[in-house]
Amino acid sequence: MDELKIHILRKLYRHTYIGRRHIAITDLQQGLPKEKRIMKDIKQAVKELISEDYLIPHHIDRVSINPKMLKEVKECVE
């Protein structure tokens, strides 16, 4: 798994955005270096994580960790 996906999962896991609690995709760029804050790449990584069932989409632009995949996310993050 690449660095950007791990950053996204780590941020969601650390702030407990799991299940019903969700965060806007635009807020995921915080904490990244300036050269990696490209929304196109972040949205692509989120799309891939959704297709791999790590994330659940909420509304139009909000996501959270899939509770069924919490064990796998925890292994990736640590």
PDB file of N, CA and C in Angstrom:
ATOM      1  N   MET A   1       0.850  -1.178   0.000  1.00  0.00           N
ATOM      2  CA  MET A   1       0.000   0.000   0.000  1.00  0.00           C
ATOM      3  C   MET A   1       0.900   1.247   0.000  1.00  0.00           C
ATOM      4  N   ASP A   2       0.536   2.235  -0.786  1.00  0.00           N
ATOM      5  CA  ASP A   2       1.408   3.409  -0.901  1.00  0.00           C
ATOM      6  C   ASP A   2       1.252   4.379   0.279  1.00  0.00           C
ATOM      7  N   GLU A   3       2.155   5.338   0.322  1.00  0.00           N
ATOM      8  CA  GLU A   3       2.251   6.283   1.437  1.00  0.00           C
ATOM      9  C   GLU A   3       0.976   7.083   1.655  1.00  0.00           C
ATOM     10  N   LEU A   4       0.362   7.539   0.582  1.00  0.00           N
ATOM     11  CA  LEU A   4      -0.831   8.377   0.675  1.00  0.00           C
ATOM     12  C   LEU A   4      -1.997   7.609   1.293  1.00  0.00           C
ATOM     13  N   LYS A   5      -2.189   6.372   0.866  1.00  0.00           N
ATOM     14  CA  LYS A   5      -3.269   5.552   1.429  1.00  0.00           C
ATOM     15  C   LYS A   5      -3.032   5.301   2.917  1.00  0.00           C
ATOM     16  N   ILE A   6      -1.793   5.027   3.286  1.00  0.00           N
ATOM     17  CA  ILE A   6      -1.483   4.790   4.692  1.00  0.00           C
ATOM     18  C   ILE A   6      -1.712   6.064   5.504  1.00  0.00           C
ATOM     19  N   HIS A   7      -1.358   7.222   4.945  1.00  0.00           N
ATOM     20  CA  HIS A   7      -1.607   8.489   5.631  1.00  0.00           C
ATOM     21  C   HIS A   7      -3.103   8.683   5.884  1.00  0.00           C
ATOM     22  N   ILE A   8      -3.918   8.407   4.875  1.00  0.00           N
ATOM     23  CA  ILE A   8      -5.366   8.568   5.005  1.00  0.00           C
ATOM     24  C   ILE A   8      -5.914   7.631   6.079  1.00  0.00           C
ATOM     25  N   LEU A   9      -5.536   6.358   6.012  1.00  0.00           N
ATOM     26  CA  LEU A   9      -6.023   5.393   7.000  1.00  0.00           C
ATOM     27  C   LEU A   9      -5.541   5.742   8.404  1.00  0.00           C
ATOM     28  N   ARG A  10      -4.297   6.183   8.528  1.00  0.00           N
ATOM     29  CA  ARG A  10      -3.750   6.540   9.837  1.00  0.00           C
ATOM     30  C   ARG A  10      -4.509   7.724  10.435  1.00  0.00           C
ATOM     31  N   LYS A  11      -4.794   8.720   9.609  1.00  0.00           N
ATOM     32  CA  LYS A  11      -5.518   9.898  10.084  1.00  0.00           C
ATOM     33  C   LYS A  11      -6.921   9.532  10.549  1.00  0.00           C
ATOM     34  N   LEU A  12      -7.614   8.734   9.761  1.00  0.00           N
ATOM     35  CA  LEU A  12      -8.969   8.323  10.131  1.00  0.00           C
ATOM     36  C   LEU A  12      -8.962   7.455  11.381  1.00  0.00           C
ATOM     37  N   TYR A  13      -7.999   6.549  11.475  1.00  0.00           N
ATOM     38  CA  TYR A  13      -7.919   5.639  12.619  1.00  0.00           C
ATOM     39  C   TYR A  13      -7.564   6.399  13.900  1.00  0.00           C
ATOM     40  N   ARG A  14      -6.610   7.303  13.804  1.00  0.00           N
ATOM     41  CA  ARG A  14      -6.151   8.055  14.977  1.00  0.00           C
ATOM     42  C   ARG A  14      -7.258   8.942  15.544  1.00  0.00           C
ATOM     43  N   HIS A  15      -8.066   9.528  14.665  1.00  0.00           N
ATOM     44  CA  HIS A  15      -9.145  10.410  15.102  1.00  0.00           C
ATOM     45  C   HIS A  15     -10.480   9.679  15.215  1.00  0.00           C
ATOM     46  N   THR A  16     -10.458   8.374  15.145  1.00  0.00           N
ATOM     47  CA  THR A  16     -11.619   7.469  15.294  1.00  0.00           C
ATOM     48  C   THR A  16     -12.780   7.824  14.370  1.00  0.00           C
ATOM     49  N   TYR A  17     -12.476   8.037  13.096  1.00  0.00           N
ATOM     50  CA  TYR A  17     -13.524   8.207  12.092  1.00  0.00           C
ATOM     51  C   TYR A  17     -13.895   6.818  11.579  1.00  0.00           C
ATOM     52  N   ILE A  18     -14.681   6.105  12.371  1.00  0.00           N
ATOM     53  CA  ILE A  18     -15.042   4.721  12.090  1.00  0.00           C
ATOM     54  C   ILE A  18     -16.563   4.608  12.071  1.00  0.00           C
ATOM     55  N   GLY A  19     -17.089   3.965  11.034  1.00  0.00           N
ATOM     56  CA  GLY A  19     -18.524   3.740  10.959  1.00  0.00           C
ATOM     57  C   GLY A  19     -19.299   5.013  10.684  1.00  0.00           C
ATOM     58  N   ARG A  20     -20.130   5.424  11.631  1.00  0.00           N
ATOM     59  CA  ARG A  20     -21.014   6.567  11.434  1.00  0.00           C
ATOM     60  C   ARG A  20     -20.295   7.912  11.465  1.00  0.00           C
ATOM     61  N   ARG A  21     -19.201   8.022  12.171  1.00  0.00           N
ATOM     62  CA  ARG A  21     -18.467   9.284  12.270  1.00  0.00           C
ATOM     63  C   ARG A  21     -17.606   9.436  11.027  1.00  0.00           C
ATOM     64  N   HIS A  22     -17.752  10.556  10.312  1.00  0.00           N
ATOM     65  CA  HIS A  22     -17.067  10.711   9.035  1.00  0.00           C
ATOM     66  C   HIS A  22     -16.384  12.068   8.927  1.00  0.00           C
ATOM     67  N   ILE A  23     -15.514  12.183   7.917  1.00  0.00           N
ATOM     68  CA  ILE A  23     -14.719  13.393   7.686  1.00  0.00           C
ATOM     69  C   ILE A  23     -14.777  13.745   6.203  1.00  0.00           C
ATOM     70  N   ALA A  24     -14.679  15.024   5.904  1.00  0.00           N
ATOM     71  CA  ALA A  24     -14.664  15.482   4.509  1.00  0.00           C
ATOM     72  C   ALA A  24     -13.340  15.091   3.848  1.00  0.00           C
ATOM     73  N   ILE A  25     -13.409  14.749   2.588  1.00  0.00           N
ATOM     74  CA  ILE A  25     -12.223  14.346   1.845  1.00  0.00           C
ATOM     75  C   ILE A  25     -11.219  15.497   1.762  1.00  0.00           C
ATOM     76  N   THR A  26     -11.692  16.733   1.685  1.00  0.00           N
ATOM     77  CA  THR A  26     -10.785  17.882   1.602  1.00  0.00           C
ATOM     78  C   THR A  26      -9.960  18.046   2.876  1.00  0.00           C
ATOM     79  N   ASP A  27     -10.446  17.563   4.005  1.00  0.00           N
ATOM     80  CA  ASP A  27      -9.704  17.664   5.264  1.00  0.00           C
ATOM     81  C   ASP A  27      -8.587  16.633   5.370  1.00  0.00           C
ATOM     82  N   LEU A  28      -8.542  15.677   4.472  1.00  0.00           N
ATOM     83  CA  LEU A  28      -7.509  14.638   4.520  1.00  0.00           C
ATOM     84  C   LEU A  28      -6.144  15.141   4.068  1.00  0.00           C
ATOM     85  N   GLN A  29      -6.101  16.290   3.402  1.00  0.00           N
ATOM     86  CA  GLN A  29      -4.816  16.818   2.941  1.00  0.00           C
ATOM     87  C   GLN A  29      -4.026  17.472   4.063  1.00  0.00           C
ATOM     88  N   GLN A  30      -4.665  17.774   5.170  1.00  0.00           N
ATOM     89  CA  GLN A  30      -3.945  18.366   6.297  1.00  0.00           C
ATOM     90  C   GLN A  30      -2.970  17.346   6.875  1.00  0.00           C
ATOM     91  N   GLY A  31      -1.784  17.805   7.167  1.00  0.00           N
ATOM     92  CA  GLY A  31      -0.756  16.920   7.703  1.00  0.00           C
ATOM     93  C   GLY A  31       0.182  16.383   6.645  1.00  0.00           C
ATOM     94  N   LEU A  32      -0.120  16.631   5.388  1.00  0.00           N
ATOM     95  CA  LEU A  32       0.759  16.216   4.295  1.00  0.00           C
ATOM     96  C   LEU A  32       1.710  17.355   3.944  1.00  0.00           C
ATOM     97  N   PRO A  33       2.898  17.039   3.427  1.00  0.00           N
ATOM     98  CA  PRO A  33       3.792  18.099   2.947  1.00  0.00           C
ATOM     99  C   PRO A  33       3.145  18.846   1.775  1.00  0.00           C
ATOM    100  N   LYS A  34       3.545  20.084   1.568  1.00  0.00           N
ATOM    101  CA  LYS A  34       2.942  20.936   0.525  1.00  0.00           C
ATOM    102  C   LYS A  34       2.941  20.282  -0.851  1.00  0.00           C
ATOM    103  N   GLU A  35       4.035  19.590  -1.199  1.00  0.00           N
ATOM    104  CA  GLU A  35       4.116  19.006  -2.541  1.00  0.00           C
ATOM    105  C   GLU A  35       3.217  17.793  -2.721  1.00  0.00           C
ATOM    106  N   LYS A  36       2.679  17.240  -1.636  1.00  0.00           N
ATOM    107  CA  LYS A  36       1.804  16.069  -1.741  1.00  0.00           C
ATOM    108  C   LYS A  36       0.334  16.402  -1.510  1.00  0.00           C
ATOM    109  N   ARG A  37      -0.007  17.673  -1.367  1.00  0.00           N
ATOM    110  CA  ARG A  37      -1.384  18.092  -1.113  1.00  0.00           C
ATOM    111  C   ARG A  37      -2.154  18.292  -2.419  1.00  0.00           C
ATOM    112  N   ILE A  38      -2.119  17.342  -3.278  1.00  0.00           N
ATOM    113  CA  ILE A  38      -2.803  17.424  -4.570  1.00  0.00           C
ATOM    114  C   ILE A  38      -4.126  16.675  -4.435  1.00  0.00           C
ATOM    115  N   MET A  39      -5.226  17.426  -4.543  1.00  0.00           N
ATOM    116  CA  MET A  39      -6.552  16.840  -4.315  1.00  0.00           C
ATOM    117  C   MET A  39      -6.867  15.730  -5.309  1.00  0.00           C
ATOM    118  N   LYS A  40      -6.374  15.829  -6.528  1.00  0.00           N
ATOM    119  CA  LYS A  40      -6.614  14.791  -7.530  1.00  0.00           C
ATOM    120  C   LYS A  40      -6.067  13.451  -7.045  1.00  0.00           C
ATOM    121  N   ASP A  41      -4.848  13.458  -6.499  1.00  0.00           N
ATOM    122  CA  ASP A  41      -4.233  12.229  -5.994  1.00  0.00           C
ATOM    123  C   ASP A  41      -4.954  11.716  -4.752  1.00  0.00           C
ATOM    124  N   ILE A  42      -5.356  12.629  -3.872  1.00  0.00           N
ATOM    125  CA  ILE A  42      -6.055  12.242  -2.646  1.00  0.00           C
ATOM    126  C   ILE A  42      -7.397  11.603  -2.984  1.00  0.00           C
ATOM    127  N   LYS A  43      -8.139  12.218  -3.905  1.00  0.00           N
ATOM    128  CA  LYS A  43      -9.436  11.657  -4.304  1.00  0.00           C
ATOM    129  C   LYS A  43      -9.270  10.289  -4.965  1.00  0.00           C
ATOM    130  N   GLN A  44      -8.216  10.120  -5.759  1.00  0.00           N
ATOM    131  CA  GLN A  44      -7.954   8.832  -6.403  1.00  0.00           C
ATOM    132  C   GLN A  44      -7.638   7.770  -5.354  1.00  0.00           C
ATOM    133  N   ALA A  45      -6.824   8.124  -4.358  1.00  0.00           N
ATOM    134  CA  ALA A  45      -6.486   7.180  -3.287  1.00  0.00           C
ATOM    135  C   ALA A  45      -7.722   6.805  -2.484  1.00  0.00           C
ATOM    136  N   VAL A  46      -8.586   7.782  -2.202  1.00  0.00           N
ATOM    137  CA  VAL A  46      -9.830   7.507  -1.473  1.00  0.00           C
ATOM    138  C   VAL A  46     -10.724   6.587  -2.287  1.00  0.00           C
ATOM    139  N   LYS A  47     -10.804   6.836  -3.592  1.00  0.00           N
ATOM    140  CA  LYS A  47     -11.616   5.987  -4.470  1.00  0.00           C
ATOM    141  C   LYS A  47     -11.124   4.539  -4.440  1.00  0.00           C
ATOM    142  N   GLU A  48      -9.806   4.373  -4.476  1.00  0.00           N
ATOM    143  CA  GLU A  48      -9.229   3.030  -4.436  1.00  0.00           C
ATOM    144  C   GLU A  48      -9.487   2.356  -3.088  1.00  0.00           C
ATOM    145  N   LEU A  49      -9.389   3.117  -1.996  1.00  0.00           N
ATOM    146  CA  LEU A  49      -9.657   2.553  -0.668  1.00  0.00           C
ATOM    147  C   LEU A  49     -11.125   2.165  -0.516  1.00  0.00           C
ATOM    148  N   ILE A  50     -12.021   2.922  -1.141  1.00  0.00           N
ATOM    149  CA  ILE A  50     -13.440   2.567  -1.119  1.00  0.00           C
ATOM    150  C   ILE A  50     -13.666   1.278  -1.896  1.00  0.00           C
ATOM    151  N   SER A  51     -13.026   1.151  -3.059  1.00  0.00           N
ATOM    152  CA  SER A  51     -13.193  -0.059  -3.869  1.00  0.00           C
ATOM    153  C   SER A  51     -12.585  -1.288  -3.195  1.00  0.00           C
ATOM    154  N   GLU A  52     -11.572  -1.073  -2.334  1.00  0.00           N
ATOM    155  CA  GLU A  52     -10.961  -2.177  -1.588  1.00  0.00           C
ATOM    156  C   GLU A  52     -11.688  -2.441  -0.265  1.00  0.00           C
ATOM    157  N   ASP A  53     -12.787  -1.731  -0.014  1.00  0.00           N
ATOM    158  CA  ASP A  53     -13.639  -1.869   1.174  1.00  0.00           C
ATOM    159  C   ASP A  53     -12.987  -1.406   2.473  1.00  0.00           C
ATOM    160  N   TYR A  54     -11.935  -0.622   2.400  1.00  0.00           N
ATOM    161  CA  TYR A  54     -11.348  -0.062   3.617  1.00  0.00           C
ATOM    162  C   TYR A  54     -12.164   1.124   4.114  1.00  0.00           C
ATOM    163  N   LEU A  55     -12.765   1.877   3.194  1.00  0.00           N
ATOM    164  CA  LEU A  55     -13.527   3.064   3.551  1.00  0.00           C
ATOM    165  C   LEU A  55     -14.972   2.936   3.116  1.00  0.00           C
ATOM    166  N   ILE A  56     -15.840   3.668   3.821  1.00  0.00           N
ATOM    167  CA  ILE A  56     -17.265   3.739   3.491  1.00  0.00           C
ATOM    168  C   ILE A  56     -17.555   5.173   3.064  1.00  0.00           C
ATOM    169  N   PRO A  57     -18.203   5.381   1.914  1.00  0.00           N
ATOM    170  CA  PRO A  57     -18.570   6.753   1.527  1.00  0.00           C
ATOM    171  C   PRO A  57     -19.825   7.207   2.271  1.00  0.00           C
ATOM    172  N   HIS A  58     -19.831   8.466   2.673  1.00  0.00           N
ATOM    173  CA  HIS A  58     -20.995   9.093   3.301  1.00  0.00           C
ATOM    174  C   HIS A  58     -21.305  10.362   2.517  1.00  0.00           C
ATOM    175  N   HIS A  59     -22.567  10.622   2.271  1.00  0.00           N
ATOM    176  CA  HIS A  59     -22.999  11.809   1.536  1.00  0.00           C
ATOM    177  C   HIS A  59     -22.214  11.917   0.229  1.00  0.00           C
ATOM    178  N   ILE A  60     -21.784  13.115  -0.137  1.00  0.00           N
ATOM    179  CA  ILE A  60     -21.095  13.281  -1.410  1.00  0.00           C
ATOM    180  C   ILE A  60     -19.580  13.196  -1.252  1.00  0.00           C
ATOM    181  N   ASP A  61     -19.037  13.870  -0.258  1.00  0.00           N
ATOM    182  CA  ASP A  61     -17.577  13.973  -0.160  1.00  0.00           C
ATOM    183  C   ASP A  61     -17.061  13.648   1.237  1.00  0.00           C
ATOM    184  N   ARG A  62     -17.667  12.695   1.904  1.00  0.00           N
ATOM    185  CA  ARG A  62     -17.247  12.340   3.252  1.00  0.00           C
ATOM    186  C   ARG A  62     -17.011  10.831   3.326  1.00  0.00           C
ATOM    187  N   VAL A  63     -16.029  10.427   4.147  1.00  0.00           N
ATOM    188  CA  VAL A  63     -15.681   9.012   4.266  1.00  0.00           C
ATOM    189  C   VAL A  63     -15.385   8.654   5.715  1.00  0.00           C
ATOM    190  N   SER A  64     -15.445   7.359   5.990  1.00  0.00           N
ATOM    191  CA  SER A  64     -15.036   6.822   7.285  1.00  0.00           C
ATOM    192  C   SER A  64     -14.511   5.409   7.067  1.00  0.00           C
ATOM    193  N   ILE A  65     -13.851   4.871   8.093  1.00  0.00           N
ATOM    194  CA  ILE A  65     -13.312   3.515   8.013  1.00  0.00           C
ATOM    195  C   ILE A  65     -14.455   2.511   8.122  1.00  0.00           C
ATOM    196  N   ASN A  66     -14.388   1.478   7.312  1.00  0.00           N
ATOM    197  CA  ASN A  66     -15.354   0.387   7.380  1.00  0.00           C
ATOM    198  C   ASN A  66     -15.072  -0.417   8.661  1.00  0.00           C
ATOM    199  N   PRO A  67     -16.049  -0.518   9.584  1.00  0.00           N
ATOM    200  CA  PRO A  67     -15.802  -1.253  10.833  1.00  0.00           C
ATOM    201  C   PRO A  67     -15.444  -2.718  10.612  1.00  0.00           C
ATOM    202  N   LYS A  68     -15.892  -3.306   9.506  1.00  0.00           N
ATOM    203  CA  LYS A  68     -15.583  -4.708   9.224  1.00  0.00           C
ATOM    204  C   LYS A  68     -14.112  -4.906   8.861  1.00  0.00           C
ATOM    205  N   MET A  69     -13.459  -3.844   8.418  1.00  0.00           N
ATOM    206  CA  MET A  69     -12.057  -3.914   8.007  1.00  0.00           C
ATOM    207  C   MET A  69     -11.122  -3.305   9.056  1.00  0.00           C
ATOM    208  N   LEU A  70     -11.612  -3.083  10.250  1.00  0.00           N
ATOM    209  CA  LEU A  70     -10.835  -2.394  11.276  1.00  0.00           C
ATOM    210  C   LEU A  70      -9.549  -3.140  11.626  1.00  0.00           C
ATOM    211  N   LYS A  71      -9.606  -4.454  11.670  1.00  0.00           N
ATOM    212  CA  LYS A  71      -8.420  -5.248  12.002  1.00  0.00           C
ATOM    213  C   LYS A  71      -7.323  -5.047  10.944  1.00  0.00           C
ATOM    214  N   GLU A  72      -7.689  -5.083   9.670  1.00  0.00           N
ATOM    215  CA  GLU A  72      -6.736  -4.896   8.591  1.00  0.00           C
ATOM    216  C   GLU A  72      -6.166  -3.479   8.604  1.00  0.00           C
ATOM    217  N   VAL A  73      -7.035  -2.489   8.882  1.00  0.00           N
ATOM    218  CA  VAL A  73      -6.587  -1.093   8.943  1.00  0.00           C
ATOM    219  C   VAL A  73      -5.583  -0.934  10.077  1.00  0.00           C
ATOM    220  N   LYS A  74      -5.869  -1.537  11.207  1.00  0.00           N
ATOM    221  CA  LYS A  74      -4.975  -1.436  12.356  1.00  0.00           C
ATOM    222  C   LYS A  74      -3.599  -2.021  12.026  1.00  0.00           C
ATOM    223  N   GLU A  75      -3.562  -3.138  11.297  1.00  0.00           N
ATOM    224  CA  GLU A  75      -2.290  -3.733  10.886  1.00  0.00           C
ATOM    225  C   GLU A  75      -1.522  -2.821   9.922  1.00  0.00           C
ATOM    226  N   CYS A  76      -2.225  -2.169   9.008  1.00  0.00           N
ATOM    227  CA  CYS A  76      -1.578  -1.268   8.045  1.00  0.00           C
ATOM    228  C   CYS A  76      -1.011  -0.041   8.735  1.00  0.00           C
ATOM    229  N   VAL A  77      -1.731   0.475   9.711  1.00  0.00           N
ATOM    230  CA  VAL A  77      -1.354   1.719  10.365  1.00  0.00           C
ATOM    231  C   VAL A  77      -0.173   1.520  11.309  1.00  0.00           C
ATOM    232  N   GLU A  78      -0.118   0.400  11.992  1.00  0.00           N
ATOM    233  CA  GLU A  78       0.933   0.185  12.988  1.00  0.00           C
ATOM    234  C   GLU A  78       2.174  -0.428  12.413  1.00  0.00           C
TER     235      GLU A  78
END
